[in-house]
PDB file of all heavy atoms in Angstrom:
ATOM      1  N   ILE A   1      -4.387  -2.063   3.209  1.00  0.00           N
ATOM      2  CA  ILE A   1      -3.282  -2.848   2.646  1.00  0.00           C
ATOM      3  C   ILE A   1      -3.296  -4.270   3.204  1.00  0.00           C
ATOM      4  O   ILE A   1      -3.117  -5.193   2.474  1.00  0.00           O
ATOM      5  CB  ILE A   1      -1.962  -2.098   2.974  1.00  0.00           C
ATOM      6  CG1 ILE A   1      -1.927  -0.733   2.118  1.00  0.00           C
ATOM      7  CG2 ILE A   1      -0.754  -2.990   2.627  1.00  0.00           C
ATOM      8  CD1 ILE A   1      -0.747   0.139   2.523  1.00  0.00           C
ATOM      9  N   LYS A   2      -3.526  -4.349   4.495  1.00  0.00           N
ATOM     10  CA  LYS A   2      -3.567  -5.643   5.139  1.00  0.00           C
ATOM     11  C   LYS A   2      -4.660  -6.503   4.521  1.00  0.00           C
ATOM     12  O   LYS A   2      -4.467  -7.747   4.299  1.00  0.00           O
ATOM     13  CB  LYS A   2      -3.778  -5.466   6.620  1.00  0.00           C
ATOM     14  CG  LYS A   2      -3.773  -6.718   7.434  1.00  0.00           C
ATOM     15  CD  LYS A   2      -3.954  -6.459   8.930  1.00  0.00           C
ATOM     16  CE  LYS A   2      -4.008  -7.751   9.716  1.00  0.00           C
ATOM     17  NZ  LYS A   2      -4.209  -7.496  11.147  1.00  0.00           N
ATOM     18  N   VAL A   3      -5.854  -5.951   4.383  1.00  0.00           N
ATOM     19  CA  VAL A   3      -7.008  -6.686   3.740  1.00  0.00           C
ATOM     20  C   VAL A   3      -6.662  -7.157   2.346  1.00  0.00           C
ATOM     21  O   VAL A   3      -7.007  -8.278   1.932  1.00  0.00           O
ATOM     22  CB  VAL A   3      -8.308  -5.907   3.851  1.00  0.00           C
ATOM     23  CG1 VAL A   3      -9.457  -6.577   3.115  1.00  0.00           C
ATOM     24  CG2 VAL A   3      -8.680  -5.766   5.314  1.00  0.00           C
ATOM     25  N   LEU A   4      -6.098  -6.257   1.549  1.00  0.00           N
ATOM     26  CA  LEU A   4      -5.715  -6.657   0.181  1.00  0.00           C
ATOM     27  C   LEU A   4      -4.858  -7.905   0.195  1.00  0.00           C
ATOM     28  O   LEU A   4      -5.009  -8.830  -0.608  1.00  0.00           O
ATOM     29  CB  LEU A   4      -4.973  -5.480  -0.511  1.00  0.00           C
ATOM     30  CG  LEU A   4      -5.808  -4.282  -0.960  1.00  0.00           C
ATOM     31  CD1 LEU A   4      -4.880  -3.159  -1.429  1.00  0.00           C
ATOM     32  CD2 LEU A   4      -6.782  -4.643  -2.076  1.00  0.00           C
ATOM     33  N   GLU A   5      -3.903  -7.903   1.119  1.00  0.00           N
ATOM     34  CA  GLU A   5      -2.976  -9.053   1.272  1.00  0.00           C
ATOM     35  C   GLU A   5      -3.699 -10.266   1.810  1.00  0.00           C
ATOM     36  O   GLU A   5      -3.603 -11.351   1.224  1.00  0.00           O
ATOM     37  CB  GLU A   5      -1.831  -8.676   2.119  1.00  0.00           C
ATOM     38  CG  GLU A   5      -0.753  -9.665   2.196  1.00  0.00           C
ATOM     39  CD  GLU A   5       0.514  -9.251   2.946  1.00  0.00           C
ATOM     40  OE1 GLU A   5       0.473  -8.158   3.519  1.00  0.00           O
ATOM     41  OE2 GLU A   5       1.452 -10.020   2.985  1.00  0.00           O
ATOM     42  N   GLU A   6      -4.464 -10.156   2.882  1.00  0.00           N
ATOM     43  CA  GLU A   6      -5.140 -11.334   3.431  1.00  0.00           C
ATOM     44  C   GLU A   6      -6.136 -11.933   2.498  1.00  0.00           C
ATOM     45  O   GLU A   6      -6.354 -13.111   2.568  1.00  0.00           O
ATOM     46  CB  GLU A   6      -5.911 -10.806   4.738  1.00  0.00           C
ATOM     47  CG  GLU A   6      -5.008 -10.501   5.912  1.00  0.00           C
ATOM     48  CD  GLU A   6      -5.758 -10.025   7.089  1.00  0.00           C
ATOM     49  OE1 GLU A   6      -6.987  -9.720   7.022  1.00  0.00           O
ATOM     50  OE2 GLU A   6      -5.115  -9.920   8.200  1.00  0.00           O
ATOM     51  N   ARG A   7      -6.832 -11.090   1.698  1.00  0.00           N
ATOM     52  CA  ARG A   7      -7.828 -11.615   0.757  1.00  0.00           C
ATOM     53  C   ARG A   7      -7.258 -12.076  -0.527  1.00  0.00           C
ATOM     54  O   ARG A   7      -8.015 -12.410  -1.447  1.00  0.00           O
ATOM     55  CB  ARG A   7      -8.923 -10.594   0.563  1.00  0.00           C
ATOM     56  CG  ARG A   7      -9.649 -10.164   1.814  1.00  0.00           C
ATOM     57  CD  ARG A   7     -10.535 -11.296   2.302  1.00  0.00           C
ATOM     58  NE  ARG A   7     -11.228 -10.854   3.456  1.00  0.00           N
ATOM     59  CZ  ARG A   7     -12.341 -11.457   3.892  1.00  0.00           C
ATOM     60  NH1 ARG A   7     -12.845 -12.441   3.250  1.00  0.00           N
ATOM     61  NH2 ARG A   7     -12.891 -11.041   4.990  1.00  0.00           N
ATOM     62  N   ASN A   8      -5.950 -11.909  -0.705  1.00  0.00           N
ATOM     63  CA  ASN A   8      -5.242 -12.340  -1.871  1.00  0.00           C
ATOM     64  C   ASN A   8      -5.837 -11.605  -3.124  1.00  0.00           C
ATOM     65  O   ASN A   8      -6.011 -12.184  -4.205  1.00  0.00           O
ATOM     66  CB  ASN A   8      -5.272 -13.805  -2.172  1.00  0.00           C
ATOM     67  CG  ASN A   8      -4.523 -14.573  -1.162  1.00  0.00           C
ATOM     68  OD1 ASN A   8      -3.360 -14.159  -0.834  1.00  0.00           O
ATOM     69  ND2 ASN A   8      -5.051 -15.617  -0.560  1.00  0.00           N
ATOM     70  N   PHE A   9      -6.184 -10.351  -2.896  1.00  0.00           N
ATOM     71  CA  PHE A   9      -6.687  -9.498  -4.031  1.00  0.00           C
ATOM     72  C   PHE A   9      -5.571  -9.479  -5.082  1.00  0.00           C
ATOM     73  O   PHE A   9      -4.379  -9.327  -4.768  1.00  0.00           O
ATOM     74  CB  PHE A   9      -7.017  -8.106  -3.537  1.00  0.00           C
ATOM     75  CG  PHE A   9      -7.689  -7.273  -4.536  1.00  0.00           C
ATOM     76  CD1 PHE A   9      -9.086  -7.398  -4.781  1.00  0.00           C
ATOM     77  CD2 PHE A   9      -6.969  -6.353  -5.320  1.00  0.00           C
ATOM     78  CE1 PHE A   9      -9.705  -6.655  -5.695  1.00  0.00           C
ATOM     79  CE2 PHE A   9      -7.637  -5.595  -6.291  1.00  0.00           C
ATOM     80  CZ  PHE A   9      -9.049  -5.715  -6.482  1.00  0.00           C
ATOM     81  N   PRO A  10      -5.919  -9.594  -6.360  1.00  0.00           N
ATOM     82  CA  PRO A  10      -4.970  -9.691  -7.411  1.00  0.00           C
ATOM     83  C   PRO A  10      -4.190  -8.350  -7.686  1.00  0.00           C
ATOM     84  O   PRO A  10      -4.667  -7.595  -8.526  1.00  0.00           O
ATOM     85  CB  PRO A  10      -5.717 -10.188  -8.609  1.00  0.00           C
ATOM     86  CG  PRO A  10      -7.106  -9.722  -8.346  1.00  0.00           C
ATOM     87  CD  PRO A  10      -7.314  -9.789  -6.858  1.00  0.00           C
ATOM     88  N   VAL A  11      -3.186  -8.096  -6.905  1.00  0.00           N
ATOM     89  CA  VAL A  11      -2.457  -6.823  -7.049  1.00  0.00           C
ATOM     90  C   VAL A  11      -1.145  -7.097  -7.741  1.00  0.00           C
ATOM     91  O   VAL A  11      -0.327  -7.875  -7.318  1.00  0.00           O
ATOM     92  CB  VAL A  11      -2.140  -6.189  -5.654  1.00  0.00           C
ATOM     93  CG1 VAL A  11      -1.273  -4.993  -5.822  1.00  0.00           C
ATOM     94  CG2 VAL A  11      -3.451  -5.923  -4.964  1.00  0.00           C
ATOM     95  N   SER A  12      -0.946  -6.491  -8.911  1.00  0.00           N
ATOM     96  CA  SER A  12       0.362  -6.646  -9.643  1.00  0.00           C
ATOM     97  C   SER A  12       1.333  -5.605  -9.096  1.00  0.00           C
ATOM     98  O   SER A  12       2.568  -5.845  -9.079  1.00  0.00           O
ATOM     99  CB  SER A  12       0.212  -6.461 -11.124  1.00  0.00           C
ATOM    100  OG  SER A  12      -0.245  -5.184 -11.463  1.00  0.00           O
ATOM    101  N   SER A  13       0.862  -4.446  -8.649  1.00  0.00           N
ATOM    102  CA  SER A  13       1.724  -3.392  -8.040  1.00  0.00           C
ATOM    103  C   SER A  13       0.917  -2.584  -7.089  1.00  0.00           C
ATOM    104  O   SER A  13      -0.329  -2.381  -7.322  1.00  0.00           O
ATOM    105  CB  SER A  13       2.359  -2.546  -9.076  1.00  0.00           C
ATOM    106  OG  SER A  13       1.430  -1.743  -9.770  1.00  0.00           O
ATOM    107  N   LEU A  14       1.535  -2.170  -6.001  1.00  0.00           N
ATOM    108  CA  LEU A  14       0.895  -1.348  -5.019  1.00  0.00           C
ATOM    109  C   LEU A  14       1.612  -0.053  -4.826  1.00  0.00           C
ATOM    110  O   LEU A  14       2.885  -0.123  -4.669  1.00  0.00           O
ATOM    111  CB  LEU A  14       0.784  -2.080  -3.670  1.00  0.00           C
ATOM    112  CG  LEU A  14       0.105  -1.280  -2.601  1.00  0.00           C
ATOM    113  CD1 LEU A  14      -1.407  -1.297  -2.803  1.00  0.00           C
ATOM    114  CD2 LEU A  14       0.358  -1.821  -1.203  1.00  0.00           C
ATOM    115  N   LYS A  15       0.950   1.019  -4.911  1.00  0.00           N
ATOM    116  CA  LYS A  15       1.557   2.355  -4.659  1.00  0.00           C
ATOM    117  C   LYS A  15       0.938   2.918  -3.382  1.00  0.00           C
ATOM    118  O   LYS A  15      -0.198   3.047  -3.219  1.00  0.00           O
ATOM    119  CB  LYS A  15       1.229   3.288  -5.826  1.00  0.00           C
ATOM    120  CG  LYS A  15       1.960   4.635  -5.770  1.00  0.00           C
ATOM    121  CD  LYS A  15       1.628   5.487  -6.933  1.00  0.00           C
ATOM    122  CE  LYS A  15       2.550   5.265  -8.132  1.00  0.00           C
ATOM    123  NZ  LYS A  15       2.481   6.283  -9.148  1.00  0.00           N
ATOM    124  N   ALA A  16       1.859   3.188  -2.358  1.00  0.00           N
ATOM    125  CA  ALA A  16       1.360   3.763  -1.114  1.00  0.00           C
ATOM    126  C   ALA A  16       1.540   5.285  -1.171  1.00  0.00           C
ATOM    127  O   ALA A  16       2.663   5.790  -1.402  1.00  0.00           O
ATOM    128  CB  ALA A  16       2.251   3.156  -0.027  1.00  0.00           C
ATOM    129  N   LEU A  17       0.452   6.025  -1.044  1.00  0.00           N
ATOM    130  CA  LEU A  17       0.460   7.413  -1.193  1.00  0.00           C
ATOM    131  C   LEU A  17      -0.019   8.087   0.112  1.00  0.00           C
ATOM    132  O   LEU A  17      -0.865   7.558   0.834  1.00  0.00           O
ATOM    133  CB  LEU A  17      -0.473   7.855  -2.299  1.00  0.00           C
ATOM    134  CG  LEU A  17      -0.191   7.321  -3.679  1.00  0.00           C
ATOM    135  CD1 LEU A  17      -1.348   7.573  -4.662  1.00  0.00           C
ATOM    136  CD2 LEU A  17       1.147   7.940  -4.176  1.00  0.00           C
ATOM    137  N   ALA A  18       0.588   9.223   0.459  1.00  0.00           N
ATOM    138  CA  ALA A  18       0.229   9.947   1.697  1.00  0.00           C
ATOM    139  C   ALA A  18       0.711  11.421   1.559  1.00  0.00           C
ATOM    140  O   ALA A  18       1.234  11.823   0.468  1.00  0.00           O
ATOM    141  CB  ALA A  18       0.880   9.267   2.896  1.00  0.00           C
ATOM    142  N   SER A  19       0.511  12.159   2.594  1.00  0.00           N
ATOM    143  CA  SER A  19       0.985  13.549   2.561  1.00  0.00           C
ATOM    144  C   SER A  19       2.515  13.639   2.593  1.00  0.00           C
ATOM    145  O   SER A  19       3.209  12.691   2.810  1.00  0.00           O
ATOM    146  CB  SER A  19       0.437  14.277   3.759  1.00  0.00           C
ATOM    147  OG  SER A  19       1.037  13.769   4.979  1.00  0.00           O
ATOM    148  N   ALA A  20       3.039  14.858   2.311  1.00  0.00           N
ATOM    149  CA  ALA A  20       4.478  15.076   2.224  1.00  0.00           C
ATOM    150  C   ALA A  20       5.194  14.633   3.578  1.00  0.00           C
ATOM    151  O   ALA A  20       6.312  14.116   3.520  1.00  0.00           O
ATOM    152  CB  ALA A  20       4.798  16.527   1.979  1.00  0.00           C
ATOM    153  N   ARG A  21       4.523  14.764   4.669  1.00  0.00           N
ATOM    154  CA  ARG A  21       5.198  14.434   5.958  1.00  0.00           C
ATOM    155  C   ARG A  21       5.377  12.894   6.044  1.00  0.00           C
ATOM    156  O   ARG A  21       6.187  12.464   6.958  1.00  0.00           O
ATOM    157  CB  ARG A  21       4.389  15.008   7.126  1.00  0.00           C
ATOM    158  CG  ARG A  21       3.058  14.328   7.431  1.00  0.00           C
ATOM    159  CD  ARG A  21       2.466  14.975   8.704  1.00  0.00           C
ATOM    160  NE  ARG A  21       1.236  14.334   8.963  1.00  0.00           N
ATOM    161  CZ  ARG A  21       0.049  14.750   8.574  1.00  0.00           C
ATOM    162  NH1 ARG A  21      -0.015  15.848   7.832  1.00  0.00           N
ATOM    163  NH2 ARG A  21      -1.060  14.125   8.834  1.00  0.00           N
ATOM    164  N   SER A  22       4.693  12.114   5.288  1.00  0.00           N
ATOM    165  CA  SER A  22       4.863  10.618   5.371  1.00  0.00           C
ATOM    166  C   SER A  22       5.791  10.056   4.299  1.00  0.00           C
ATOM    167  O   SER A  22       6.106   8.847   4.297  1.00  0.00           O
ATOM    168  CB  SER A  22       3.575   9.925   5.268  1.00  0.00           C
ATOM    169  OG  SER A  22       2.723  10.238   6.395  1.00  0.00           O
ATOM    170  N   VAL A  23       6.297  10.913   3.379  1.00  0.00           N
ATOM    171  CA  VAL A  23       7.132  10.501   2.304  1.00  0.00           C
ATOM    172  C   VAL A  23       8.380   9.780   2.898  1.00  0.00           C
ATOM    173  O   VAL A  23       8.992  10.296   3.800  1.00  0.00           O
ATOM    174  CB  VAL A  23       7.581  11.640   1.397  1.00  0.00           C
ATOM    175  CG1 VAL A  23       8.652  11.279   0.430  1.00  0.00           C
ATOM    176  CG2 VAL A  23       6.347  12.133   0.600  1.00  0.00           C
ATOM    177  N   GLY A  24       8.730   8.658   2.340  1.00  0.00           N
ATOM    178  CA  GLY A  24       9.856   7.896   2.782  1.00  0.00           C
ATOM    179  C   GLY A  24       9.564   6.873   3.831  1.00  0.00           C
ATOM    180  O   GLY A  24      10.396   5.960   4.036  1.00  0.00           O
ATOM    181  N   LYS A  25       8.444   6.942   4.469  1.00  0.00           N
ATOM    182  CA  LYS A  25       8.023   5.816   5.404  1.00  0.00           C
ATOM    183  C   LYS A  25       7.852   4.583   4.591  1.00  0.00           C
ATOM    184  O   LYS A  25       7.751   4.642   3.429  1.00  0.00           O
ATOM    185  CB  LYS A  25       6.770   6.209   6.158  1.00  0.00           C
ATOM    186  CG  LYS A  25       6.940   7.375   7.152  1.00  0.00           C
ATOM    187  CD  LYS A  25       5.660   7.583   7.945  1.00  0.00           C
ATOM    188  CE  LYS A  25       5.867   8.659   8.982  1.00  0.00           C
ATOM    189  NZ  LYS A  25       4.674   8.869   9.778  1.00  0.00           N
ATOM    190  N   LYS A  26       7.793   3.479   5.263  1.00  0.00           N
ATOM    191  CA  LYS A  26       7.749   2.206   4.562  1.00  0.00           C
ATOM    192  C   LYS A  26       6.441   1.477   5.029  1.00  0.00           C
ATOM    193  O   LYS A  26       6.088   1.560   6.195  1.00  0.00           O
ATOM    194  CB  LYS A  26       8.943   1.347   4.882  1.00  0.00           C
ATOM    195  CG  LYS A  26      10.242   2.038   4.761  1.00  0.00           C
ATOM    196  CD  LYS A  26      10.845   1.823   3.398  1.00  0.00           C
ATOM    197  CE  LYS A  26      12.329   2.210   3.301  1.00  0.00           C
ATOM    198  NZ  LYS A  26      12.613   3.483   2.892  1.00  0.00           N
TER     199      LYS A  26
END
């Protein structure tokens, strides 16, 4: 995520996915 931002990769939307135990984290 940090590299996408630092490199100005053209992201129109980002979805952060993980296991159930990480749901709701930011």
